[in-house]
């Protein structure tokens, strides 16, 4: 796993670096992952950790891939985010600390959560049949 900023810049694309390391946000409705409906898992584009599954994915209409729960509670961490004059809860990869997006309390049951995640921060791994 990269340890320095230079190593992260070498490993990630410019877009991945902007999202994962600089806590950026991709444009709404720009991710191809919005349309993914086949079985599989979503991994961190920075380190490959499994973060979410299509079993927990839903169409929130917000323009970013959304999930009602992570694949494993330990795969993500949350932190208070008061940037841009807002109070939000940031979601980061539990392994590499890469910024993924934010979580809100307006999602589907059984959790009521909406993990609103930048598609650039994810890689889709289809389940083999």
N, C-alpha and C. Protein backbone atom coordinates (compact mmCIF):
# COMPACT_ATOMS: atom_id res chain seq x y z
N UNK A 1 0.85 -1.18 0.00
CA UNK A 1 0.00 0.00 0.00
C UNK A 1 0.89 1.24 0.00
N UNK A 2 0.57 2.19 -0.86
CA UNK A 2 1.37 3.42 -0.89
C UNK A 2 1.41 4.11 0.47
N UNK A 3 2.55 4.71 0.77
CA UNK A 3 2.70 5.41 2.05
C UNK A 3 2.86 6.92 1.86
N UNK A 4 3.39 7.33 0.72
CA UNK A 4 3.62 8.76 0.51
C UNK A 4 2.65 9.30 -0.54
N UNK A 5 2.52 10.61 -0.55
CA UNK A 5 1.67 11.27 -1.53
C UNK A 5 2.14 10.93 -2.95
N UNK A 6 3.44 10.92 -3.16
CA UNK A 6 4.00 10.62 -4.49
C UNK A 6 3.62 9.19 -4.92
N UNK A 7 3.65 8.25 -4.00
CA UNK A 7 3.27 6.87 -4.33
C UNK A 7 1.78 6.77 -4.68
N UNK A 8 0.93 7.50 -3.94
CA UNK A 8 -0.50 7.52 -4.26
C UNK A 8 -0.72 8.12 -5.65
N UNK A 9 -0.01 9.21 -5.96
CA UNK A 9 -0.17 9.86 -7.27
C UNK A 9 0.25 8.93 -8.40
N UNK A 10 1.25 8.12 -8.15
CA UNK A 10 1.72 7.18 -9.17
C UNK A 10 0.72 6.03 -9.36
N UNK A 11 0.10 5.59 -8.28
CA UNK A 11 -0.81 4.44 -8.31
C UNK A 11 -2.19 4.78 -8.88
N UNK A 12 -2.71 5.97 -8.57
CA UNK A 12 -4.08 6.34 -8.92
C UNK A 12 -4.14 7.21 -10.17
N UNK A 13 -5.28 7.16 -10.85
CA UNK A 13 -5.51 8.11 -11.94
C UNK A 13 -5.72 9.48 -11.31
N UNK A 14 -5.70 10.53 -12.13
CA UNK A 14 -5.94 11.88 -11.60
C UNK A 14 -7.30 11.98 -10.92
N UNK A 15 -8.33 11.40 -11.55
CA UNK A 15 -9.68 11.45 -10.98
C UNK A 15 -9.75 10.67 -9.66
N UNK A 16 -9.14 9.49 -9.62
CA UNK A 16 -9.13 8.70 -8.38
C UNK A 16 -8.40 9.45 -7.26
N UNK A 17 -7.29 10.06 -7.60
CA UNK A 17 -6.54 10.81 -6.59
C UNK A 17 -7.37 11.97 -6.04
N UNK A 18 -8.04 12.71 -6.94
CA UNK A 18 -8.85 13.86 -6.52
C UNK A 18 -9.96 13.43 -5.56
N UNK A 19 -10.57 12.28 -5.80
CA UNK A 19 -11.65 11.79 -4.93
C UNK A 19 -11.07 11.16 -3.66
N UNK A 20 -10.25 10.14 -3.83
CA UNK A 20 -9.78 9.33 -2.70
C UNK A 20 -8.82 10.06 -1.75
N UNK A 21 -7.92 10.87 -2.28
CA UNK A 21 -6.90 11.49 -1.44
C UNK A 21 -7.18 12.96 -1.12
N UNK A 22 -7.96 13.65 -2.01
CA UNK A 22 -8.26 15.07 -1.79
C UNK A 22 -9.73 15.30 -1.42
N UNK A 23 -10.47 14.22 -1.16
CA UNK A 23 -11.89 14.29 -0.74
C UNK A 23 -12.75 15.07 -1.73
N UNK A 24 -12.50 14.85 -3.02
CA UNK A 24 -13.30 15.50 -4.05
C UNK A 24 -14.63 14.81 -4.25
N UNK A 25 -15.41 15.33 -5.18
CA UNK A 25 -16.71 14.76 -5.53
C UNK A 25 -16.84 14.74 -7.04
N UNK A 26 -17.29 13.61 -7.57
CA UNK A 26 -17.52 13.52 -9.01
C UNK A 26 -18.86 14.19 -9.36
N UNK A 27 -19.03 14.53 -10.63
CA UNK A 27 -20.29 15.12 -11.10
C UNK A 27 -21.43 14.11 -10.94
N UNK A 28 -22.60 14.62 -10.59
CA UNK A 28 -23.79 13.78 -10.48
C UNK A 28 -24.07 13.07 -11.81
N UNK A 29 -24.52 11.84 -11.72
CA UNK A 29 -24.92 11.02 -12.87
C UNK A 29 -23.78 10.75 -13.85
N UNK A 30 -22.52 10.89 -13.42
CA UNK A 30 -21.39 10.66 -14.33
C UNK A 30 -20.80 9.25 -14.22
N UNK A 31 -21.19 8.50 -13.21
CA UNK A 31 -20.59 7.18 -12.98
C UNK A 31 -21.32 6.07 -13.73
N UNK A 32 -20.57 5.24 -14.43
CA UNK A 32 -21.13 4.06 -15.08
C UNK A 32 -21.66 3.06 -14.05
N UNK A 33 -21.20 3.15 -12.81
CA UNK A 33 -21.61 2.22 -11.78
C UNK A 33 -23.06 2.43 -11.34
N UNK A 34 -23.66 3.55 -11.71
CA UNK A 34 -25.08 3.77 -11.41
C UNK A 34 -25.95 2.70 -12.05
N UNK A 35 -25.53 2.21 -13.21
CA UNK A 35 -26.34 1.27 -13.99
C UNK A 35 -26.05 -0.19 -13.67
N UNK A 36 -25.07 -0.47 -12.82
CA UNK A 36 -24.72 -1.84 -12.49
C UNK A 36 -25.88 -2.51 -11.75
N UNK A 37 -26.36 -3.63 -12.32
CA UNK A 37 -27.42 -4.36 -11.64
C UNK A 37 -27.13 -5.86 -11.56
N UNK A 38 -25.94 -6.25 -12.03
CA UNK A 38 -25.56 -7.66 -11.91
C UNK A 38 -24.95 -7.92 -10.54
N UNK A 39 -24.95 -9.16 -10.10
CA UNK A 39 -24.39 -9.51 -8.80
C UNK A 39 -22.89 -9.29 -8.78
N UNK A 40 -22.41 -8.78 -7.67
CA UNK A 40 -20.98 -8.57 -7.51
C UNK A 40 -20.68 -7.67 -6.34
N UNK A 41 -19.43 -7.26 -6.26
CA UNK A 41 -19.01 -6.41 -5.15
C UNK A 41 -18.29 -5.17 -5.68
N UNK A 42 -18.32 -4.14 -4.86
CA UNK A 42 -17.66 -2.88 -5.17
C UNK A 42 -16.45 -2.75 -4.25
N UNK A 43 -15.28 -2.58 -4.84
CA UNK A 43 -14.04 -2.52 -4.10
C UNK A 43 -13.46 -1.12 -4.14
N UNK A 44 -12.64 -0.79 -3.15
CA UNK A 44 -11.96 0.49 -3.10
C UNK A 44 -10.98 0.57 -4.28
N UNK A 45 -11.06 1.64 -5.05
CA UNK A 45 -10.15 1.83 -6.19
C UNK A 45 -8.72 2.10 -5.73
N UNK A 46 -8.55 2.43 -4.47
CA UNK A 46 -7.22 2.70 -3.94
C UNK A 46 -6.48 1.48 -3.45
N UNK A 47 -7.22 0.56 -2.81
CA UNK A 47 -6.54 -0.57 -2.17
C UNK A 47 -7.18 -1.93 -2.44
N UNK A 48 -8.36 -1.97 -3.06
CA UNK A 48 -8.99 -3.23 -3.39
C UNK A 48 -9.87 -3.84 -2.31
N UNK A 49 -10.01 -3.19 -1.17
CA UNK A 49 -10.86 -3.71 -0.10
C UNK A 49 -12.31 -3.77 -0.57
N UNK A 50 -13.00 -4.88 -0.29
CA UNK A 50 -14.42 -4.98 -0.61
C UNK A 50 -15.19 -4.05 0.32
N UNK A 51 -15.98 -3.15 -0.28
CA UNK A 51 -16.70 -2.14 0.49
C UNK A 51 -18.21 -2.35 0.49
N UNK A 52 -18.78 -2.62 -0.68
CA UNK A 52 -20.23 -2.73 -0.82
C UNK A 52 -20.56 -3.87 -1.78
N UNK A 53 -21.83 -4.30 -1.74
CA UNK A 53 -22.31 -5.37 -2.60
C UNK A 53 -23.54 -4.89 -3.36
N UNK A 54 -23.80 -5.49 -4.51
CA UNK A 54 -25.01 -5.13 -5.24
C UNK A 54 -26.26 -5.52 -4.46
N UNK A 55 -26.16 -6.43 -3.50
CA UNK A 55 -27.32 -6.81 -2.68
C UNK A 55 -27.82 -5.64 -1.84
N UNK A 56 -26.94 -4.68 -1.54
CA UNK A 56 -27.31 -3.51 -0.73
C UNK A 56 -27.40 -2.23 -1.56
N UNK A 57 -27.25 -2.34 -2.86
CA UNK A 57 -27.28 -1.16 -3.75
C UNK A 57 -28.72 -0.80 -4.07
N UNK A 58 -29.00 0.50 -4.18
CA UNK A 58 -30.33 0.94 -4.62
C UNK A 58 -30.22 2.24 -5.39
N UNK A 59 -31.26 2.54 -6.17
CA UNK A 59 -31.29 3.77 -6.96
C UNK A 59 -31.90 4.87 -6.10
N UNK A 60 -31.07 5.75 -5.60
CA UNK A 60 -31.54 6.83 -4.73
C UNK A 60 -32.00 8.04 -5.52
N UNK A 61 -31.68 8.07 -6.82
CA UNK A 61 -32.04 9.21 -7.64
C UNK A 61 -31.15 10.43 -7.44
N UNK A 62 -30.10 10.28 -6.63
CA UNK A 62 -29.24 11.41 -6.31
C UNK A 62 -28.13 11.63 -7.33
N UNK A 63 -27.82 10.60 -8.13
CA UNK A 63 -26.77 10.73 -9.12
C UNK A 63 -25.45 10.08 -8.73
N UNK A 64 -25.41 9.43 -7.58
CA UNK A 64 -24.22 8.69 -7.13
C UNK A 64 -24.65 7.29 -6.73
N UNK A 65 -23.76 6.29 -6.91
CA UNK A 65 -24.08 4.96 -6.43
C UNK A 65 -24.43 5.01 -4.93
N UNK A 66 -25.54 4.35 -4.58
CA UNK A 66 -26.02 4.39 -3.20
C UNK A 66 -26.25 2.99 -2.65
N UNK A 67 -25.96 2.83 -1.38
CA UNK A 67 -26.07 1.55 -0.70
C UNK A 67 -26.69 1.77 0.67
N UNK A 68 -27.46 0.76 1.16
CA UNK A 68 -28.05 0.92 2.48
C UNK A 68 -27.18 0.36 3.60
N UNK A 69 -26.08 -0.31 3.23
CA UNK A 69 -25.13 -0.84 4.22
C UNK A 69 -23.84 -1.23 3.51
N UNK A 70 -22.71 -1.18 4.23
CA UNK A 70 -21.46 -1.69 3.65
C UNK A 70 -21.45 -3.22 3.67
N UNK A 71 -20.56 -3.81 2.89
CA UNK A 71 -20.44 -5.27 2.86
C UNK A 71 -20.06 -5.81 4.23
N UNK A 72 -19.24 -5.07 4.94
CA UNK A 72 -18.78 -5.43 6.28
C UNK A 72 -18.59 -4.11 7.03
N UNK A 73 -19.10 -4.02 8.23
CA UNK A 73 -19.00 -2.76 9.00
C UNK A 73 -17.55 -2.29 9.14
N UNK A 74 -16.60 -3.22 9.20
CA UNK A 74 -15.19 -2.84 9.37
C UNK A 74 -14.56 -2.32 8.07
N UNK A 75 -15.25 -2.50 6.94
CA UNK A 75 -14.66 -2.07 5.66
C UNK A 75 -14.71 -0.56 5.46
N UNK A 76 -15.57 0.13 6.21
CA UNK A 76 -15.65 1.58 6.10
C UNK A 76 -15.60 2.21 7.49
N UNK A 77 -15.16 3.46 7.53
CA UNK A 77 -15.17 4.25 8.76
C UNK A 77 -15.90 5.55 8.45
N UNK A 78 -16.45 6.18 9.47
CA UNK A 78 -17.12 7.46 9.28
C UNK A 78 -16.51 8.51 10.18
N UNK A 79 -16.56 9.76 9.69
CA UNK A 79 -16.02 10.90 10.43
C UNK A 79 -16.93 12.11 10.20
N UNK A 80 -16.96 13.00 11.16
CA UNK A 80 -17.70 14.24 11.01
C UNK A 80 -17.03 15.10 9.95
N UNK A 81 -17.84 15.70 9.08
CA UNK A 81 -17.32 16.55 8.00
C UNK A 81 -18.10 17.86 8.02
N UNK A 82 -17.41 18.95 8.31
CA UNK A 82 -18.06 20.27 8.33
C UNK A 82 -17.56 21.16 7.20
N UNK A 83 -17.00 20.56 6.16
CA UNK A 83 -16.52 21.34 5.02
C UNK A 83 -17.69 21.92 4.23
N UNK A 84 -17.41 22.94 3.46
CA UNK A 84 -18.39 23.58 2.58
C UNK A 84 -19.61 24.12 3.34
N UNK A 85 -19.43 24.43 4.62
CA UNK A 85 -20.51 25.01 5.42
C UNK A 85 -21.65 24.05 5.73
N UNK A 86 -21.39 22.74 5.63
CA UNK A 86 -22.42 21.73 5.89
C UNK A 86 -21.97 20.81 7.01
N UNK A 87 -22.92 20.15 7.64
CA UNK A 87 -22.65 19.10 8.63
C UNK A 87 -23.02 17.78 7.98
N UNK A 88 -21.99 16.97 7.70
CA UNK A 88 -22.23 15.67 7.06
C UNK A 88 -21.36 14.62 7.74
N UNK A 89 -21.61 13.38 7.39
CA UNK A 89 -20.80 12.28 7.87
C UNK A 89 -20.04 11.69 6.69
N UNK A 90 -18.72 11.86 6.71
CA UNK A 90 -17.86 11.36 5.64
C UNK A 90 -17.67 9.86 5.80
N UNK A 91 -17.60 9.16 4.67
CA UNK A 91 -17.31 7.72 4.64
C UNK A 91 -15.94 7.55 4.00
N UNK A 92 -15.06 6.80 4.68
CA UNK A 92 -13.72 6.51 4.15
C UNK A 92 -13.47 5.01 4.17
N UNK A 93 -12.57 4.56 3.34
CA UNK A 93 -12.17 3.15 3.32
C UNK A 93 -11.51 2.81 4.65
N UNK A 94 -11.94 1.73 5.28
CA UNK A 94 -11.38 1.31 6.55
C UNK A 94 -9.95 0.81 6.44
N UNK A 95 -9.48 0.50 5.24
CA UNK A 95 -8.13 0.00 5.06
C UNK A 95 -7.14 1.11 4.71
N UNK A 96 -7.44 1.91 3.67
CA UNK A 96 -6.47 2.91 3.21
C UNK A 96 -6.85 4.34 3.58
N UNK A 97 -8.05 4.54 4.13
CA UNK A 97 -8.48 5.87 4.53
C UNK A 97 -8.93 6.76 3.39
N UNK A 98 -9.07 6.19 2.19
CA UNK A 98 -9.49 6.98 1.03
C UNK A 98 -10.92 7.48 1.18
N UNK A 99 -11.15 8.73 0.79
CA UNK A 99 -12.49 9.33 0.83
C UNK A 99 -13.38 8.62 -0.19
N UNK A 100 -14.57 8.20 0.28
CA UNK A 100 -15.52 7.52 -0.59
C UNK A 100 -16.74 8.37 -0.90
N UNK A 101 -17.23 9.08 0.09
CA UNK A 101 -18.44 9.88 -0.06
C UNK A 101 -18.99 10.24 1.31
N UNK A 102 -20.32 10.20 1.43
CA UNK A 102 -20.98 10.55 2.69
C UNK A 102 -22.14 9.59 2.95
N UNK A 103 -22.56 9.51 4.21
CA UNK A 103 -23.72 8.69 4.57
C UNK A 103 -24.78 9.59 5.18
N UNK A 104 -26.04 9.31 4.81
CA UNK A 104 -27.18 10.11 5.25
C UNK A 104 -28.24 9.19 5.85
N UNK A 105 -29.15 9.76 6.61
CA UNK A 105 -30.20 8.99 7.29
C UNK A 105 -31.51 8.98 6.51
N UNK A 106 -31.45 8.94 5.19
CA UNK A 106 -32.66 8.93 4.37
C UNK A 106 -32.67 7.77 3.39
N UNK A 107 -32.09 6.64 3.81
CA UNK A 107 -31.98 5.48 2.93
C UNK A 107 -33.06 4.44 3.18
N UNK A 108 -32.83 3.27 2.63
CA UNK A 108 -33.78 2.18 2.72
C UNK A 108 -33.64 1.39 4.02
N UNK A 109 -34.71 0.73 4.39
CA UNK A 109 -34.65 -0.21 5.51
C UNK A 109 -33.89 -1.44 5.03
N UNK A 110 -33.23 -2.17 5.87
CA UNK A 110 -33.42 -2.16 7.32
C UNK A 110 -32.56 -1.14 8.08
N UNK A 111 -31.63 -0.46 7.41
CA UNK A 111 -30.75 0.45 8.15
C UNK A 111 -31.24 1.90 8.14
N UNK A 112 -31.98 2.29 7.11
CA UNK A 112 -32.38 3.68 6.96
C UNK A 112 -31.24 4.58 6.51
N UNK A 113 -30.12 3.98 6.13
CA UNK A 113 -28.94 4.73 5.72
C UNK A 113 -28.85 4.80 4.20
N UNK A 114 -28.22 5.88 3.72
CA UNK A 114 -27.88 6.02 2.30
C UNK A 114 -26.41 6.36 2.21
N UNK A 115 -25.60 5.36 1.90
CA UNK A 115 -24.18 5.57 1.66
C UNK A 115 -24.07 6.07 0.23
N UNK A 116 -23.82 7.36 0.08
CA UNK A 116 -23.76 8.05 -1.20
C UNK A 116 -22.28 8.11 -1.60
N UNK A 117 -21.88 7.25 -2.54
CA UNK A 117 -20.47 6.99 -2.79
C UNK A 117 -20.06 7.41 -4.20
N UNK A 118 -18.92 8.05 -4.31
CA UNK A 118 -18.36 8.42 -5.61
C UNK A 118 -17.99 7.16 -6.39
N UNK A 119 -18.52 7.03 -7.60
CA UNK A 119 -18.19 5.87 -8.41
C UNK A 119 -16.71 5.77 -8.75
N UNK A 120 -16.03 6.91 -8.87
CA UNK A 120 -14.59 6.92 -9.16
C UNK A 120 -13.81 6.23 -8.05
N UNK A 121 -14.32 6.24 -6.84
CA UNK A 121 -13.64 5.62 -5.70
C UNK A 121 -13.83 4.11 -5.66
N UNK A 122 -14.65 3.58 -6.58
CA UNK A 122 -14.99 2.17 -6.57
C UNK A 122 -14.57 1.46 -7.85
N UNK A 123 -14.33 0.16 -7.70
CA UNK A 123 -14.15 -0.72 -8.84
C UNK A 123 -15.16 -1.84 -8.68
N UNK A 124 -15.89 -2.19 -9.75
CA UNK A 124 -16.89 -3.25 -9.67
C UNK A 124 -16.27 -4.58 -10.02
N UNK A 125 -16.53 -5.58 -9.19
CA UNK A 125 -16.03 -6.94 -9.37
C UNK A 125 -17.24 -7.85 -9.54
N UNK A 126 -17.62 -8.21 -10.80
CA UNK A 126 -18.80 -9.05 -11.01
C UNK A 126 -18.62 -10.43 -10.40
N UNK A 127 -19.72 -10.97 -9.91
CA UNK A 127 -19.71 -12.32 -9.34
C UNK A 127 -19.67 -13.31 -10.50
N UNK A 128 -18.81 -14.27 -10.40
CA UNK A 128 -18.72 -15.28 -11.48
C UNK A 128 -19.84 -16.27 -11.32
N UNK A 129 -20.46 -16.62 -12.46
CA UNK A 129 -21.59 -17.56 -12.41
C UNK A 129 -21.18 -18.97 -12.78
